[in-house]
Amino acid sequence: MAVKISVCIPTHRREEQLRALLQDLVDQELPPFDVVVVDNNAAGSARGVVGEFQGRGCPFLLTYAVQPERSIPLTRNMTVHLAQGEWLAFVDDDERAPRDWLRRLLDCVLAHSADGVLAPVEPRVPPSAPAWIRRGRFYDWPRIATGTAVPRKNLRYGNLMLRGAAVRALPGPFDPSFALSAGEDVDMLVRFTNQGAKLVWCDEAPVWEPVDPRRLSLHWLLMRGYSGGQAFGWIRTSGTLGKAGLPVRAALLVQWTAQLLVAALVAAVLWPFGRHRAAAWLITAWANAGKLTSLLGRRYSAYA
């Protein structure tokens, strides 16, 4: 019996990128059972693109819906609720998938008897990027050996496949409180593994993502670090990673403050020896600033 895989795609005003991704899915060696596109633009700007593929015929069921309220978790939740497959593959609307992408994800999850696999997202930095950004490799994510259990520090979305029943068993499954802030993906994956799910790495199933020229700046990198640090702070203190009473919060306050000061000092020392080195430590400092603000109950709406 064929395995039914659903591909879940939240989208927001990226019509051309979505068109390219849908064509990649049409060309897959292992076609998905269905593809669900949920548009987080109340005007339904992606409707025409999806209609093109529905009109000409696809080797899979193609479903389109609109989530009118601006919310990444609610949009992701709708993709999950509309998907019909026993496995759910998640990919972002600005990514590109090679022909063997789905087959390699499925091969890996079956070979390792896992409940899910994470795979690489390879950034494509434009040639026009400043030299210090190209040297710094700020858009790369850590990669590990195929079949290795994914450590919590490496949890993220963008390219993964999960057992549908385990995802649907989670409340949400994405927490709506994250709204337009970062972290709903990591929060969900931590809860996914908390229930005993086995999550492994698949290094042979990358997708690639062109880096938006608007993200080629120190300011954007710092705010991404701040947003990610704040998201981690929320997850760490919300109970998802264990109890976080007053003594724990006090210890985190000291730890994160120390890490911020050390990172800022190292950045200042390294600045004359290479902007890319100093920037990496500045990003770490900003990430710890984000963690500290989470203790104050603040949330940065990175996707507002």
Protein backbone atom coordinates (compact mmCIF):
# COMPACT_ATOMS: atom_id res chain seq x y z
CA MET A 1 0.00 0.00 0.00
CA ALA A 2 1.39 3.41 -0.99
CA VAL A 3 2.34 5.77 1.80
CA LYS A 4 0.25 8.94 1.78
CA ILE A 5 2.32 12.10 2.22
CA SER A 6 0.80 15.55 2.56
CA VAL A 7 2.90 18.64 1.83
CA CYS A 8 1.92 21.62 3.99
CA ILE A 9 2.73 25.12 2.70
CA PRO A 10 1.81 28.33 4.54
CA THR A 11 2.21 31.33 2.25
CA HIS A 12 2.06 35.11 2.39
CA ARG A 13 2.53 37.36 -0.65
CA ARG A 14 5.13 35.21 -2.40
CA GLU A 15 3.26 34.28 -5.54
CA GLU A 16 6.25 33.72 -7.83
CA GLN A 17 8.16 31.70 -5.25
CA LEU A 18 5.04 29.61 -4.57
CA ARG A 19 4.59 28.96 -8.30
CA ALA A 20 8.17 27.63 -8.53
CA LEU A 21 7.72 25.43 -5.46
CA LEU A 22 4.46 23.93 -6.73
CA GLN A 23 6.20 23.06 -10.00
CA ASP A 24 8.92 21.33 -7.98
CA LEU A 25 6.23 19.24 -6.28
CA VAL A 26 4.64 18.35 -9.62
CA ASP A 27 8.07 17.09 -10.75
CA GLN A 28 8.76 14.92 -7.68
CA GLU A 29 9.92 11.34 -8.25
CA LEU A 30 7.57 10.38 -5.41
CA PRO A 31 4.46 12.54 -5.83
CA PRO A 32 2.69 13.57 -2.63
CA PHE A 33 -0.85 12.37 -1.99
CA ASP A 34 -1.98 15.94 -1.46
CA VAL A 35 -0.59 19.47 -1.17
CA VAL A 36 -2.23 22.03 1.10
CA VAL A 37 -1.59 25.75 0.55
CA VAL A 38 -2.94 28.12 3.20
CA ASP A 39 -2.75 31.81 2.36
CA ASN A 40 -2.22 34.18 5.28
CA ASN A 41 -3.26 37.15 3.16
CA ALA A 42 -6.95 37.92 3.69
CA ALA A 43 -7.16 39.11 0.07
CA GLY A 44 -6.21 35.62 -1.11
CA SER A 45 -3.30 36.76 -3.27
CA ALA A 46 -2.09 33.19 -3.89
CA ARG A 47 -5.45 31.98 -5.17
CA GLY A 48 -4.58 32.59 -8.82
CA VAL A 49 -1.29 30.69 -8.62
CA VAL A 50 -2.92 27.66 -7.03
CA GLY A 51 -5.78 27.91 -9.54
CA GLU A 52 -3.28 27.63 -12.42
CA PHE A 53 -2.10 24.24 -11.15
CA GLN A 54 -5.61 23.05 -10.29
CA GLY A 55 -6.77 23.98 -13.77
CA ARG A 56 -4.07 22.16 -15.69
CA GLY A 57 -4.11 19.08 -13.48
CA CYS A 58 -1.63 17.81 -10.90
CA PRO A 59 -0.44 14.33 -9.89
CA PHE A 60 -1.85 15.09 -6.42
CA LEU A 61 -4.85 16.67 -4.74
CA LEU A 62 -4.23 20.41 -4.38
CA THR A 63 -6.15 22.25 -1.65
CA TYR A 64 -6.22 26.01 -1.14
CA ALA A 65 -7.59 27.94 1.83
CA VAL A 66 -7.28 31.40 3.35
CA GLN A 67 -6.45 32.17 6.98
CA PRO A 68 -7.56 35.83 7.19
CA GLU A 69 -6.09 36.57 10.62
CA ARG A 70 -2.39 37.40 10.44
CA SER A 71 -0.90 34.56 12.45
CA ILE A 72 1.80 32.08 11.54
CA PRO A 73 0.64 29.42 14.06
CA LEU A 74 -3.00 29.61 12.91
CA THR A 75 -1.89 29.34 9.28
CA ARG A 76 0.29 26.32 10.02
CA ASN A 77 -2.53 24.77 12.03
CA MET A 78 -4.91 25.07 9.10
CA THR A 79 -2.46 23.26 6.81
CA VAL A 80 -2.29 20.39 9.29
CA HIS A 81 -6.06 20.19 9.74
CA LEU A 82 -6.69 20.14 5.98
CA ALA A 83 -3.94 17.63 5.17
CA GLN A 84 -5.11 14.05 4.61
CA GLY A 85 -1.81 12.14 4.62
CA GLU A 86 -0.37 9.86 7.27
CA TRP A 87 2.90 11.77 6.93
CA LEU A 88 3.14 15.56 6.87
CA ALA A 89 5.99 17.25 5.00
CA PHE A 90 6.56 20.92 5.77
CA VAL A 91 8.30 23.33 3.42
CA ASP A 92 8.35 27.14 3.23
CA ASP A 93 6.85 28.98 0.27
CA ASP A 94 10.20 30.51 -0.78
CA GLU A 95 12.11 27.21 -0.87
CA ARG A 96 12.91 24.91 -3.79
CA ALA A 97 12.73 21.13 -3.64
CA PRO A 98 14.86 18.77 -5.79
CA ARG A 99 13.11 15.92 -7.63
CA ASP A 100 14.18 13.31 -5.07
CA TRP A 101 13.24 15.38 -1.99
CA LEU A 102 10.13 13.54 -0.80
CA ARG A 103 11.53 10.11 -1.68
CA ARG A 104 14.65 10.71 0.37
CA LEU A 105 12.66 11.98 3.36
CA LEU A 106 10.45 8.89 3.28
CA ASP A 107 13.38 6.51 2.79
CA CYS A 108 15.11 8.00 5.81
CA VAL A 109 12.13 7.95 8.16
CA LEU A 110 11.40 4.31 7.28
CA ALA A 111 15.05 3.20 7.42
CA HIS A 112 15.44 4.57 10.94
CA SER A 113 11.95 3.69 12.21
CA ALA A 114 11.51 7.33 13.16
CA ASP A 115 8.47 9.51 13.80
CA GLY A 116 9.99 12.36 11.84
CA VAL A 117 13.01 13.65 9.96
CA LEU A 118 14.61 17.09 9.68
CA ALA A 119 16.69 17.94 6.63
CA PRO A 120 18.90 20.83 5.49
CA VAL A 121 17.83 24.18 4.12
CA GLU A 122 20.71 25.38 1.96
CA PRO A 123 20.88 29.17 1.60
CA ARG A 124 21.72 30.71 -1.76
CA VAL A 125 23.38 34.04 -0.99
CA PRO A 126 23.33 36.38 -4.02
CA PRO A 127 26.70 37.43 -5.52
CA SER A 128 25.85 41.03 -4.63
CA ALA A 129 26.06 40.25 -0.90
CA PRO A 130 28.79 42.10 1.01
CA ALA A 131 32.00 40.10 1.37
CA TRP A 132 31.73 39.95 5.18
CA ILE A 133 28.28 38.34 4.92
CA ARG A 134 29.54 35.70 2.48
CA ARG A 135 32.48 34.91 4.78
CA GLY A 136 30.30 34.74 7.89
CA ARG A 137 27.90 32.06 6.57
CA PHE A 138 25.17 33.57 8.76
CA TYR A 139 22.31 31.83 6.93
CA ASP A 140 23.67 28.28 7.27
CA TRP A 141 22.25 25.84 9.79
CA PRO A 142 24.15 23.04 11.57
CA ARG A 143 24.26 19.68 9.78
CA ILE A 144 24.81 16.28 11.37
CA ALA A 145 25.06 12.68 10.21
CA THR A 146 21.97 11.05 8.73
CA GLY A 147 20.08 8.96 11.28
CA THR A 148 21.37 10.97 14.25
CA ALA A 149 18.76 12.07 16.78
CA VAL A 150 18.27 15.82 16.32
CA PRO A 151 19.38 17.77 19.42
CA ARG A 152 16.95 20.34 20.72
CA LYS A 153 19.30 23.21 19.90
CA ASN A 154 18.96 22.26 16.20
CA LEU A 155 15.16 22.08 16.09
CA ARG A 156 13.60 24.33 13.45
CA TYR A 157 11.22 24.29 10.52
CA GLY A 158 11.71 24.76 6.80
CA ASN A 159 12.30 21.17 5.70
CA LEU A 160 10.94 18.20 7.60
CA MET A 161 8.46 15.35 7.59
CA LEU A 162 6.54 14.17 10.66
CA ARG A 163 4.13 11.37 11.48
CA GLY A 164 0.69 12.92 11.09
CA ALA A 165 -0.95 11.13 14.02
CA ALA A 166 1.74 12.36 16.43
CA VAL A 167 1.39 15.96 15.19
CA ARG A 168 -2.39 15.93 15.34
CA ALA A 169 -2.27 14.61 18.92
CA LEU A 170 -0.68 17.86 20.07
CA PRO A 171 -2.83 20.82 21.15
CA GLY A 172 -2.91 23.27 18.27
CA PRO A 173 -0.53 21.72 17.19
CA PHE A 174 1.09 25.17 16.90
CA ASP A 175 0.61 27.53 19.83
CA PRO A 176 -1.44 30.59 18.70
CA SER A 177 0.17 32.74 21.41
CA PHE A 178 3.26 33.05 19.21
CA ALA A 179 1.14 34.88 16.59
CA LEU A 180 3.66 36.94 14.58
CA SER A 181 6.68 36.27 16.77
CA ALA A 182 9.24 33.57 16.03
CA GLY A 183 9.33 30.24 17.85
CA GLU A 184 6.05 28.47 17.14
CA ASP A 185 7.96 25.85 15.15
CA VAL A 186 10.54 25.06 17.84
CA ASP A 187 7.84 25.01 20.53
CA MET A 188 5.83 22.48 18.54
CA LEU A 189 8.86 20.27 17.85
CA VAL A 190 9.90 20.29 21.52
CA ARG A 191 6.40 19.15 22.48
CA PHE A 192 6.52 16.58 19.66
CA THR A 193 9.69 15.03 21.11
CA ASN A 194 8.42 15.41 24.70
CA GLN A 195 5.74 12.83 23.92
CA GLY A 196 8.45 10.31 23.00
CA ALA A 197 8.59 10.85 19.25
CA LYS A 198 11.86 9.89 17.55
CA LEU A 199 13.19 12.68 15.35
CA VAL A 200 16.29 12.08 13.21
CA TRP A 201 18.37 14.00 10.69
CA CYS A 202 18.35 13.32 6.93
CA ASP A 203 21.30 15.04 5.28
CA GLU A 204 20.49 13.68 1.80
CA ALA A 205 17.19 15.58 1.39
CA PRO A 206 18.05 19.28 1.25
CA VAL A 207 15.91 22.05 -0.09
CA TRP A 208 17.43 25.37 -1.07
CA GLU A 209 16.35 28.89 -0.29
CA PRO A 210 17.43 32.13 -2.00
CA VAL A 211 18.35 34.73 0.60
CA ASP A 212 16.21 37.83 0.16
CA PRO A 213 18.44 40.86 -0.57
CA ARG A 214 16.56 42.74 2.15
CA ARG A 215 18.10 40.34 4.68
CA LEU A 216 21.69 41.13 3.70
CA SER A 217 22.39 43.52 6.55
CA LEU A 218 23.77 43.48 10.07
CA HIS A 219 20.53 44.99 11.34
CA TRP A 220 18.44 42.12 9.97
CA LEU A 221 20.86 39.53 11.37
CA LEU A 222 20.82 41.17 14.79
CA MET A 223 17.02 41.30 14.89
CA ARG A 224 16.83 37.66 13.79
CA GLY A 225 19.13 36.79 16.69
CA TYR A 226 17.05 38.89 19.07
CA SER A 227 13.82 37.28 17.88
CA GLY A 228 15.24 33.77 18.13
CA GLY A 229 16.63 34.43 21.60
CA GLN A 230 13.31 35.81 22.77
CA ALA A 231 11.50 32.76 21.38
CA PHE A 232 13.91 30.46 23.21
CA GLY A 233 13.35 32.44 26.40
CA TRP A 234 9.59 32.02 26.10
CA ILE A 235 9.89 28.29 25.47
CA ARG A 236 12.39 27.85 28.30
CA THR A 237 10.22 29.62 30.88
CA SER A 238 6.76 28.49 29.71
CA GLY A 239 7.17 24.95 31.02
CA THR A 240 7.72 23.33 27.63
CA LEU A 241 11.31 22.53 28.68
CA GLY A 242 10.46 21.88 32.32
CA LYS A 243 9.39 23.91 35.32
CA ALA A 244 10.73 27.45 35.55
CA GLY A 245 9.89 28.86 38.95
CA LEU A 246 11.46 31.91 40.58
CA PRO A 247 14.83 30.25 41.41
CA VAL A 248 15.19 29.02 37.81
CA ARG A 249 14.28 32.43 36.41
CA ALA A 250 16.81 34.11 38.71
CA ALA A 251 19.52 31.72 37.55
CA LEU A 252 18.60 32.36 33.91
CA LEU A 253 18.73 36.11 34.50
CA VAL A 254 22.32 35.81 35.75
CA GLN A 255 23.35 33.35 33.02
CA TRP A 256 21.89 35.31 30.10
CA THR A 257 23.22 38.63 31.40
CA ALA A 258 26.72 37.16 31.68
CA GLN A 259 26.49 35.67 28.18
CA LEU A 260 25.37 39.00 26.74
CA LEU A 261 28.25 40.90 28.35
CA VAL A 262 30.88 38.35 27.31
CA ALA A 263 29.59 38.23 23.71
CA ALA A 264 29.54 42.03 23.47
CA LEU A 265 33.10 42.24 24.81
CA VAL A 266 34.40 39.61 22.39
CA ALA A 267 32.67 41.40 19.49
CA ALA A 268 34.41 44.66 20.41
CA VAL A 269 37.80 42.94 20.59
CA LEU A 270 37.32 41.15 17.25
CA TRP A 271 35.93 44.08 15.27
CA PRO A 272 39.34 45.25 13.95
CA PHE A 273 40.17 41.69 12.83
CA GLY A 274 37.14 41.02 10.63
CA ARG A 275 33.58 42.26 10.59
CA HIS A 276 32.18 38.76 10.02
CA ARG A 277 33.80 37.47 13.24
CA ALA A 278 32.62 40.42 15.29
CA ALA A 279 29.12 40.20 13.81
CA ALA A 280 28.76 36.58 14.91
CA TRP A 281 29.40 37.57 18.51
CA LEU A 282 27.14 40.63 18.23
CA ILE A 283 24.33 38.34 17.08
CA THR A 284 24.96 36.17 20.14
CA ALA A 285 24.76 39.26 22.34
CA TRP A 286 21.47 40.32 20.75
CA ALA A 287 20.09 36.79 21.15
CA ASN A 288 20.78 36.95 24.87
CA ALA A 289 19.14 40.37 25.01
CA GLY A 290 16.08 38.71 23.51
CA LYS A 291 16.18 36.00 26.18
CA LEU A 292 16.32 38.65 28.90
CA THR A 293 13.35 40.58 27.52
CA SER A 294 11.32 37.36 27.53
CA LEU A 295 11.72 37.34 31.32
CA LEU A 296 9.95 40.72 31.30
CA GLY A 297 7.03 39.30 29.30
CA ARG A 298 7.88 41.16 26.11
CA ARG A 299 7.38 39.77 22.60
CA TYR A 300 8.89 41.04 19.40
CA SER A 301 6.60 40.62 16.37
CA ALA A 302 9.25 39.70 13.82
CA TYR A 303 6.65 38.98 11.14
CA ALA A 304 4.30 41.88 11.71
